[in-house]
Protein backbone atom coordinates (compact mmCIF):
# COMPACT_ATOMS: atom_id res chain seq x y z
CA UNK A 1 134.47 161.12 274.71
CA UNK A 2 135.49 158.03 276.70
CA UNK A 3 133.00 155.65 277.96
CA UNK A 4 133.13 152.40 279.97
CA UNK A 5 132.08 149.21 278.22
CA UNK A 6 130.19 146.78 280.21
CA UNK A 7 132.52 144.05 279.10
CA UNK A 8 134.78 142.83 281.52
CA UNK A 9 138.04 140.53 281.39
CA UNK A 10 137.07 139.04 284.83
CA UNK A 11 134.61 136.76 286.61
CA UNK A 12 131.87 139.12 287.22
CA UNK A 13 128.97 140.31 285.15
CA UNK A 14 128.85 144.34 285.75
CA UNK A 15 125.41 145.84 285.86
CA UNK A 16 126.92 149.35 285.05
CA UNK A 17 127.22 150.85 288.68
CA UNK A 18 129.60 153.69 288.51
CA UNK A 19 130.50 155.95 291.40
CA UNK A 20 132.30 159.47 290.56
CA UNK A 21 133.97 160.19 293.86
CA UNK A 22 135.65 163.48 293.37
CA UNK A 23 136.73 166.10 290.74
CA UNK A 24 139.21 168.70 292.21
CA UNK A 25 141.87 171.24 290.82
CA UNK A 26 145.36 170.75 292.02
CA UNK A 27 147.11 174.12 291.82
CA UNK A 28 150.83 174.84 291.47
CA UNK A 29 153.63 172.87 290.28
CA UNK A 30 153.54 169.30 291.54
CA UNK A 31 156.72 167.84 293.29
CA UNK A 32 156.54 164.29 293.44
CA UNK A 33 160.09 163.49 294.39
CA UNK A 34 162.58 164.52 296.96
CA UNK A 35 165.84 166.06 295.93
CA UNK A 36 167.76 163.10 297.82
CA UNK A 37 165.14 160.45 296.88
CA UNK A 38 166.89 157.46 294.90
CA UNK A 39 166.23 157.58 291.13
CA UNK A 40 163.42 154.76 290.32
CA UNK A 41 164.36 152.02 287.97
CA UNK A 42 161.95 150.97 285.39
CA UNK A 43 161.91 148.69 282.42
CA UNK A 44 160.92 149.41 278.94
CA UNK A 45 159.63 147.43 275.88
CA UNK A 46 160.69 148.81 272.78
CA UNK A 47 161.52 152.52 272.20
CA UNK A 48 159.90 155.18 274.00
CA UNK A 49 159.11 158.25 271.63
CA UNK A 50 156.30 159.84 273.49
CA UNK A 51 156.61 163.90 273.85
CA UNK A 52 156.86 163.24 277.50
CA UNK A 53 159.35 160.20 277.28
CA UNK A 54 162.53 162.27 277.84
CA UNK A 55 160.92 163.98 280.87
CA UNK A 56 160.08 160.46 282.38
CA UNK A 57 163.48 159.38 281.71
CA UNK A 58 165.09 162.33 283.33
CA UNK A 59 163.54 160.96 286.62
CA UNK A 60 163.47 157.40 285.99
CA UNK A 61 166.53 154.99 285.11
CA UNK A 62 164.64 153.27 282.12
CA UNK A 63 166.55 150.00 281.08
CA UNK A 64 165.52 147.31 278.46
CA UNK A 65 162.95 144.66 279.70
CA UNK A 66 164.33 142.09 282.10
CA UNK A 67 162.71 139.12 283.04
CA UNK A 68 162.49 139.71 286.92
CA UNK A 69 159.09 141.61 287.62
CA UNK A 70 160.50 143.90 290.12
CA UNK A 71 160.09 147.11 288.74
CA UNK A 72 157.39 149.13 286.58
CA UNK A 73 157.23 148.79 282.81
CA UNK A 74 156.81 151.61 280.22
CA UNK A 75 155.91 150.99 276.62
CA UNK A 76 154.48 152.86 273.62
CA UNK A 77 150.81 152.08 272.71
CA UNK A 78 151.62 150.98 269.22
CA UNK A 79 154.09 148.47 270.66
CA UNK A 80 151.07 146.44 271.56
CA UNK A 81 150.79 144.99 268.30
CA UNK A 82 154.26 143.74 268.06
CA UNK A 83 154.47 142.08 271.46
CA UNK A 84 156.19 138.62 271.72
CA UNK A 85 155.27 135.91 273.99
CA UNK A 86 157.95 136.98 276.68
CA UNK A 87 156.83 140.40 276.60
CA UNK A 88 153.25 139.47 277.43
CA UNK A 89 154.32 137.26 280.31
CA UNK A 90 156.51 139.96 281.56
CA UNK A 91 153.36 142.22 281.51
CA UNK A 92 151.18 139.62 283.45
CA UNK A 93 154.20 138.99 285.98
CA UNK A 94 154.59 142.74 286.60
CA UNK A 95 150.87 143.21 287.13
CA UNK A 96 150.70 140.25 289.52
CA UNK A 97 153.79 141.85 291.49
CA UNK A 98 151.76 145.14 291.81
CA UNK A 99 154.07 147.24 289.98
CA UNK A 100 152.69 149.77 287.45
CA UNK A 101 152.54 149.33 283.65
CA UNK A 102 152.43 152.59 281.61
CA UNK A 103 151.22 152.83 277.98
CA UNK A 104 152.23 156.12 276.15
CA UNK A 105 150.37 157.61 273.45
CA UNK A 106 147.70 154.77 273.59
CA UNK A 107 144.48 154.36 272.05
CA UNK A 108 141.44 152.51 273.62
CA UNK A 109 142.37 149.71 271.38
CA UNK A 110 145.90 149.56 272.94
CA UNK A 111 144.46 149.82 276.39
CA UNK A 112 141.78 147.00 275.83
CA UNK A 113 144.66 144.96 274.27
CA UNK A 114 146.43 145.40 277.60
CA UNK A 115 143.43 144.17 279.40
CA UNK A 116 143.19 141.09 277.62
CA UNK A 117 146.81 140.16 278.05
CA UNK A 118 146.45 140.59 281.85
CA UNK A 119 143.30 139.19 282.23
CA UNK A 120 141.71 142.10 284.15
CA UNK A 121 140.47 145.36 283.67
CA UNK A 122 137.22 147.02 282.30
CA UNK A 123 137.43 147.84 278.76
CA UNK A 124 136.72 151.41 277.31
CA UNK A 125 135.23 152.86 273.97
CA UNK A 126 135.61 156.10 272.41
CA UNK A 127 132.84 158.12 270.93
CA UNK A 128 135.54 160.44 269.24
CA UNK A 129 135.35 160.49 265.60
CA UNK A 130 139.35 161.13 265.35
CA UNK A 131 139.98 158.13 267.75
CA UNK A 132 142.23 160.36 269.90
CA UNK A 133 143.72 158.27 272.53
CA UNK A 134 145.47 159.52 275.83
CA UNK A 135 149.09 160.63 276.41
CA UNK A 136 149.61 158.01 279.10
CA UNK A 137 147.69 155.11 280.65
CA UNK A 138 148.81 153.49 283.89
CA UNK A 139 147.60 150.20 285.03
CA UNK A 140 148.57 148.38 288.33
CA UNK A 141 146.65 146.44 291.07
CA UNK A 142 146.06 147.45 294.66
CA UNK A 143 144.68 144.42 296.63
CA UNK A 144 143.52 142.66 293.46
CA UNK A 145 141.47 145.57 292.30
CA UNK A 146 142.76 147.15 289.00
CA UNK A 147 143.61 150.83 289.52
CA UNK A 148 144.11 153.11 286.54
CA UNK A 149 144.68 156.56 285.37
CA UNK A 150 144.10 158.05 281.88
CA UNK A 151 145.95 161.33 281.22
CA UNK A 152 144.55 163.30 278.52
CA UNK A 153 146.89 164.69 275.50
CA UNK A 154 148.54 167.93 276.09
CA UNK A 155 147.34 170.33 273.12
CA UNK A 156 149.51 173.50 271.99
CA UNK A 157 148.06 176.62 273.17
CA UNK A 158 145.96 178.52 270.43
CA UNK A 159 147.29 182.17 271.88
CA UNK A 160 149.24 183.75 269.02
CA UNK A 161 151.20 187.28 268.87
CA UNK A 162 149.71 189.96 266.49
CA UNK A 163 152.14 188.50 263.67
CA UNK A 164 150.46 185.33 264.08
CA UNK A 165 153.56 183.48 265.82
CA UNK A 166 152.88 181.26 268.95
CA UNK A 167 152.56 183.52 271.94
CA UNK A 168 155.54 183.05 274.45
CA UNK A 169 153.00 182.82 277.39
CA UNK A 170 151.11 179.91 275.32
CA UNK A 171 154.44 178.08 274.97
CA UNK A 172 155.30 178.37 278.42
CA UNK A 173 152.09 177.16 279.48
CA UNK A 174 152.48 174.04 277.27
CA UNK A 175 155.84 173.53 278.41
CA UNK A 176 154.48 173.43 281.90
CA UNK A 177 151.39 171.12 281.19
CA UNK A 178 154.01 168.71 279.74
CA UNK A 179 156.10 168.67 282.64
CA UNK A 180 153.14 168.12 284.89
CA UNK A 181 152.07 165.25 282.69
CA UNK A 182 155.63 163.74 283.22
CA UNK A 183 155.53 164.13 287.00
CA UNK A 184 152.16 162.50 287.01
CA UNK A 185 153.37 159.30 285.23
CA UNK A 186 156.51 159.11 287.40
CA UNK A 187 154.06 159.36 290.49
CA UNK A 188 152.39 156.46 289.46
CA UNK A 189 155.49 154.64 288.47
CA UNK A 190 156.69 155.28 292.05
CA UNK A 191 153.59 153.51 293.84
CA UNK A 192 155.05 150.95 296.36
CA UNK A 193 153.24 147.62 295.27
CA UNK A 194 150.35 146.81 297.60
CA UNK A 195 149.10 142.96 296.89
CA UNK A 196 147.42 140.98 299.31
CA UNK A 197 146.67 137.27 299.53
CA UNK A 198 143.13 136.52 298.24
CA UNK A 199 140.49 136.14 300.87
CA UNK A 200 138.29 133.42 301.62
CA UNK A 201 135.43 132.74 299.08
CA UNK A 202 132.35 134.67 299.77
CA UNK A 203 129.43 132.90 301.31
CA UNK A 204 126.30 133.27 298.74
CA UNK A 205 123.89 133.13 301.71
CA UNK A 206 125.51 136.43 303.26
CA UNK A 207 124.72 139.84 301.89
CA UNK A 208 127.15 141.56 299.95
CA UNK A 209 128.84 144.96 300.63
CA UNK A 210 129.09 146.01 296.91
CA UNK A 211 130.65 149.40 297.79
CA UNK A 212 133.41 147.50 299.49
CA UNK A 213 134.19 145.64 296.41
CA UNK A 214 135.05 147.84 293.23
CA UNK A 215 135.70 146.02 290.02
CA UNK A 216 138.28 149.01 288.88
CA UNK A 217 139.13 152.42 290.19
CA UNK A 218 140.06 155.00 287.51
CA UNK A 219 141.16 158.42 287.56
CA UNK A 220 140.75 160.64 284.65
CA UNK A 221 143.49 163.43 284.22
CA UNK A 222 143.80 166.66 282.58
CA UNK A 223 146.81 168.97 282.70
CA UNK A 224 146.81 172.53 281.93
CA UNK A 225 148.44 175.86 282.77
CA UNK A 226 146.37 176.13 286.02
CA UNK A 227 147.18 172.57 287.34
CA UNK A 228 145.71 169.19 287.22
CA UNK A 229 142.11 168.31 287.06
CA UNK A 230 141.25 164.80 288.54
CA UNK A 231 138.04 162.91 288.24
CA UNK A 232 137.95 159.75 290.04
CA UNK A 233 135.49 156.97 288.92
CA UNK A 234 134.85 153.73 290.75
CA UNK A 235 133.12 150.84 289.09
CA UNK A 236 131.24 148.18 290.72
CA UNK A 237 129.85 144.89 290.00
CA UNK A 238 126.58 143.37 291.46
CA UNK A 239 126.24 139.73 291.96
CA UNK A 240 123.13 137.81 290.55
CA UNK A 241 122.09 134.47 291.86
CA UNK A 242 120.41 132.34 289.29
CA UNK A 243 119.21 128.87 289.84
CA UNK A 244 119.50 126.49 287.12
CA UNK A 245 116.10 124.72 286.52
CA UNK A 246 117.57 121.27 285.65
CA UNK A 247 120.17 120.89 288.64
CA UNK A 248 118.76 123.33 290.98
CA UNK A 249 122.36 124.88 291.65
CA UNK A 250 122.85 128.48 292.16
CA UNK A 251 125.15 130.45 290.02
CA UNK A 252 127.00 133.33 291.09
CA UNK A 253 127.73 135.89 288.44
């Protein structure tokens, strides 16, 4: 079970305001790219050995990391512990440019480490005793709002033949679920950057429409033989105005 930690790598103090906005099944095989669509370019840090890596690279031209933040970045979660300074700078520049960062086979520790590097995002904690992470985690910004997806692992079907061998239907369902998972990641990689200039500072004397200022938007995704299950969670931060007793100045948290 995953939970959102109230600790933020941002300037706001979160008072645990969460909105779950939708949970829907999307049936059928998703088609995220047109036949004549130009093949997307992505950059990688290290080698990609996830179970869906080959499926992703079949749709994306993945090249070694370059310094220009002009395309998404993919890396394995375990690579986070071996990042060099130039890798971290590349991740920050890519996020600022609005491109998607994808962590494959990521634990919550890997995800939180990425947030620390970027300086944005809500940290996660896991109550799972086996420490299971996610198949893929995508991280980007839209108009300065961290936007993420957590794609659950795809487990083999428990179906078996009378002789104890994997059931052909179960194998086909597992293959289809992995294909959908790769398609979901590619769809996130295809997002066109949507980065705007920061607005003017907020006037502390004016009321705040906190529903228009989410701290982070997250989609939890599960794939299966029937389709994709999406749950969207939006986290908001409330502002508290505290007056310093010595200076009489008001602080906005």
